[in-house]
Amino acid sequence: MQIHTGNLIREALRRSGHTNQWLADRIGITPRTLQKLFNKPSVDTQQLLNISCALGVDLFAPFSEALSVSL
């Protein structure tokens, strides 16, 4: 199962109602870098944790669900 992490982040941000600028400020990157992150199929786990905390969303859940289905 292929999970595109950048798409997960983009969708979670959209659902939160916050802007790219808001999230970029929260995690210490530029909005341009955040935009590039949306296109990445995978990101560093620490960065994903920081984004999850900023948005208040467990972005690791889709990976856990995929793992439980395949076990």
N, C-alpha and C. Protein backbone atom coordinates (compact mmCIF):
# COMPACT_ATOMS: atom_id res chain seq x y z
N MET A 1 0.84 -1.18 0.00
CA MET A 1 0.00 0.00 0.00
C MET A 1 0.88 1.24 0.00
N GLN A 2 0.61 2.15 -0.91
CA GLN A 2 1.39 3.37 -1.04
C GLN A 2 0.65 4.52 -0.34
N ILE A 3 1.32 5.19 0.58
CA ILE A 3 0.74 6.34 1.27
C ILE A 3 1.61 7.55 0.92
N HIS A 4 1.00 8.58 0.35
CA HIS A 4 1.73 9.79 -0.02
C HIS A 4 1.65 10.76 1.16
N THR A 5 2.73 10.88 1.90
CA THR A 5 2.74 11.67 3.13
C THR A 5 2.46 13.14 2.87
N GLY A 6 3.00 13.68 1.80
CA GLY A 6 2.75 15.08 1.48
C GLY A 6 1.26 15.37 1.30
N ASN A 7 0.57 14.44 0.65
CA ASN A 7 -0.88 14.60 0.48
C ASN A 7 -1.61 14.54 1.83
N LEU A 8 -1.14 13.66 2.72
CA LEU A 8 -1.75 13.57 4.06
C LEU A 8 -1.62 14.91 4.78
N ILE A 9 -0.44 15.50 4.70
CA ILE A 9 -0.19 16.78 5.37
C ILE A 9 -1.07 17.87 4.76
N ARG A 10 -1.09 17.95 3.44
CA ARG A 10 -1.89 18.96 2.76
C ARG A 10 -3.36 18.86 3.16
N GLU A 11 -3.89 17.64 3.17
CA GLU A 11 -5.29 17.43 3.50
C GLU A 11 -5.57 17.77 4.97
N ALA A 12 -4.66 17.38 5.86
CA ALA A 12 -4.85 17.70 7.28
C ALA A 12 -4.82 19.21 7.51
N LEU A 13 -3.95 19.89 6.82
CA LEU A 13 -3.89 21.35 6.93
C LEU A 13 -5.17 21.97 6.40
N ARG A 14 -5.65 21.50 5.28
CA ARG A 14 -6.90 22.02 4.70
C ARG A 14 -8.06 21.84 5.68
N ARG A 15 -8.16 20.64 6.27
CA ARG A 15 -9.24 20.36 7.22
C ARG A 15 -9.13 21.23 8.48
N SER A 16 -7.91 21.59 8.85
CA SER A 16 -7.71 22.39 10.07
C SER A 16 -8.19 23.83 9.90
N GLY A 17 -8.23 24.29 8.65
CA GLY A 17 -8.63 25.67 8.40
C GLY A 17 -7.49 26.67 8.53
N HIS A 18 -6.31 26.19 8.83
CA HIS A 18 -5.14 27.07 8.95
C HIS A 18 -4.49 27.28 7.59
N THR A 19 -3.65 28.28 7.51
CA THR A 19 -2.96 28.60 6.27
C THR A 19 -1.59 27.91 6.21
N ASN A 20 -1.03 27.90 5.02
CA ASN A 20 0.33 27.39 4.85
C ASN A 20 1.30 28.19 5.72
N GLN A 21 1.11 29.51 5.75
CA GLN A 21 1.98 30.38 6.55
C GLN A 21 1.92 29.99 8.02
N TRP A 22 0.72 29.74 8.52
CA TRP A 22 0.55 29.38 9.93
C TRP A 22 1.34 28.11 10.26
N LEU A 23 1.17 27.07 9.43
CA LEU A 23 1.87 25.81 9.70
C LEU A 23 3.37 25.97 9.55
N ALA A 24 3.79 26.66 8.51
CA ALA A 24 5.22 26.87 8.30
C ALA A 24 5.84 27.57 9.51
N ASP A 25 5.17 28.58 10.04
CA ASP A 25 5.67 29.28 11.23
C ASP A 25 5.74 28.35 12.43
N ARG A 26 4.74 27.51 12.58
CA ARG A 26 4.68 26.58 13.73
C ARG A 26 5.83 25.56 13.72
N ILE A 27 6.21 25.12 12.52
CA ILE A 27 7.23 24.07 12.46
C ILE A 27 8.60 24.60 12.04
N GLY A 28 8.70 25.91 11.87
CA GLY A 28 9.99 26.53 11.64
C GLY A 28 10.56 26.38 10.24
N ILE A 29 9.68 26.40 9.24
CA ILE A 29 10.15 26.36 7.85
C ILE A 29 9.46 27.48 7.08
N THR A 30 9.89 27.70 5.86
CA THR A 30 9.25 28.72 5.03
C THR A 30 8.02 28.13 4.35
N PRO A 31 7.08 28.99 3.96
CA PRO A 31 5.93 28.48 3.21
C PRO A 31 6.35 27.77 1.92
N ARG A 32 7.41 28.24 1.28
CA ARG A 32 7.91 27.59 0.05
C ARG A 32 8.38 26.17 0.35
N THR A 33 9.09 25.99 1.46
CA THR A 33 9.54 24.66 1.85
C THR A 33 8.35 23.76 2.18
N LEU A 34 7.35 24.32 2.82
CA LEU A 34 6.13 23.56 3.11
C LEU A 34 5.46 23.12 1.82
N GLN A 35 5.40 24.01 0.85
CA GLN A 35 4.80 23.68 -0.45
C GLN A 35 5.55 22.52 -1.09
N LYS A 36 6.86 22.51 -0.99
CA LYS A 36 7.66 21.41 -1.53
C LYS A 36 7.38 20.12 -0.77
N LEU A 37 7.14 20.24 0.53
CA LEU A 37 6.84 19.08 1.36
C LEU A 37 5.57 18.38 0.90
N PHE A 38 4.59 19.17 0.46
CA PHE A 38 3.33 18.59 -0.02
C PHE A 38 3.55 17.64 -1.20
N ASN A 39 4.61 17.84 -1.95
CA ASN A 39 4.88 17.00 -3.13
C ASN A 39 5.71 15.76 -2.83
N LYS A 40 6.18 15.64 -1.60
CA LYS A 40 7.03 14.50 -1.24
C LYS A 40 6.19 13.29 -0.85
N PRO A 41 6.53 12.13 -1.40
CA PRO A 41 5.80 10.92 -1.02
C PRO A 41 6.13 10.46 0.40
N SER A 42 7.29 10.88 0.93
CA SER A 42 7.65 10.54 2.30
C SER A 42 8.43 11.70 2.91
N VAL A 43 8.34 11.82 4.23
CA VAL A 43 9.07 12.86 4.94
C VAL A 43 9.71 12.25 6.19
N ASP A 44 10.66 12.98 6.74
CA ASP A 44 11.35 12.57 7.96
C ASP A 44 10.33 12.38 9.10
N THR A 45 10.51 11.36 9.90
CA THR A 45 9.54 11.06 10.96
C THR A 45 9.48 12.17 12.00
N GLN A 46 10.61 12.79 12.32
CA GLN A 46 10.59 13.89 13.29
C GLN A 46 9.78 15.07 12.74
N GLN A 47 9.94 15.35 11.47
CA GLN A 47 9.18 16.43 10.86
C GLN A 47 7.68 16.09 10.84
N LEU A 48 7.36 14.84 10.55
CA LEU A 48 5.97 14.42 10.57
C LEU A 48 5.39 14.53 11.97
N LEU A 49 6.17 14.21 12.98
CA LEU A 49 5.74 14.35 14.37
C LEU A 49 5.48 15.82 14.69
N ASN A 50 6.38 16.70 14.28
CA ASN A 50 6.20 18.14 14.53
C ASN A 50 4.93 18.66 13.87
N ILE A 51 4.68 18.23 12.65
CA ILE A 51 3.48 18.66 11.93
C ILE A 51 2.24 18.10 12.61
N SER A 52 2.29 16.83 13.02
CA SER A 52 1.16 16.22 13.73
C SER A 52 0.82 17.00 14.99
N CYS A 53 1.85 17.36 15.75
CA CYS A 53 1.63 18.12 16.98
C CYS A 53 1.06 19.50 16.69
N ALA A 54 1.60 20.17 15.69
CA ALA A 54 1.12 21.51 15.34
C ALA A 54 -0.34 21.48 14.92
N LEU A 55 -0.73 20.48 14.16
CA LEU A 55 -2.10 20.39 13.67
C LEU A 55 -3.05 19.67 14.63
N GLY A 56 -2.48 18.98 15.62
CA GLY A 56 -3.31 18.22 16.55
C GLY A 56 -3.96 17.02 15.89
N VAL A 57 -3.21 16.42 14.93
CA VAL A 57 -3.72 15.28 14.17
C VAL A 57 -2.66 14.19 14.14
N ASP A 58 -3.06 12.94 14.29
CA ASP A 58 -2.11 11.83 14.22
C ASP A 58 -1.89 11.46 12.76
N LEU A 59 -0.84 12.01 12.17
CA LEU A 59 -0.53 11.72 10.77
C LEU A 59 0.15 10.36 10.60
N PHE A 60 0.44 9.70 11.70
CA PHE A 60 1.01 8.35 11.64
C PHE A 60 -0.09 7.28 11.55
N ALA A 61 -1.31 7.65 11.87
CA ALA A 61 -2.42 6.69 11.90
C ALA A 61 -2.60 5.93 10.58
N PRO A 62 -2.56 6.59 9.42
CA PRO A 62 -2.72 5.83 8.17
C PRO A 62 -1.66 4.73 8.00
N PHE A 63 -0.46 4.99 8.51
CA PHE A 63 0.60 3.99 8.40
C PHE A 63 0.32 2.82 9.34
N SER A 64 -0.15 3.12 10.56
CA SER A 64 -0.50 2.07 11.51
C SER A 64 -1.65 1.21 10.98
N GLU A 65 -2.63 1.87 10.38
CA GLU A 65 -3.76 1.14 9.81
C GLU A 65 -3.32 0.24 8.67
N ALA A 66 -2.44 0.74 7.81
CA ALA A 66 -1.94 -0.06 6.70
C ALA A 66 -1.15 -1.26 7.22
N LEU A 67 -0.40 -1.06 8.29
CA LEU A 67 0.39 -2.14 8.87
C LEU A 67 -0.53 -3.21 9.47
N SER A 68 -1.56 -2.79 10.18
CA SER A 68 -2.45 -3.77 10.81
C SER A 68 -3.22 -4.58 9.77
N VAL A 69 -3.53 -3.97 8.64
CA VAL A 69 -4.23 -4.68 7.57
C VAL A 69 -3.33 -5.73 6.93
N SER A 70 -2.04 -5.42 6.84
CA SER A 70 -1.12 -6.34 6.15
C SER A 70 -0.57 -7.43 7.06
N LEU A 71 -0.83 -7.32 8.35
CA LEU A 71 -0.31 -8.35 9.27
C LEU A 71 -1.19 -9.53 9.36
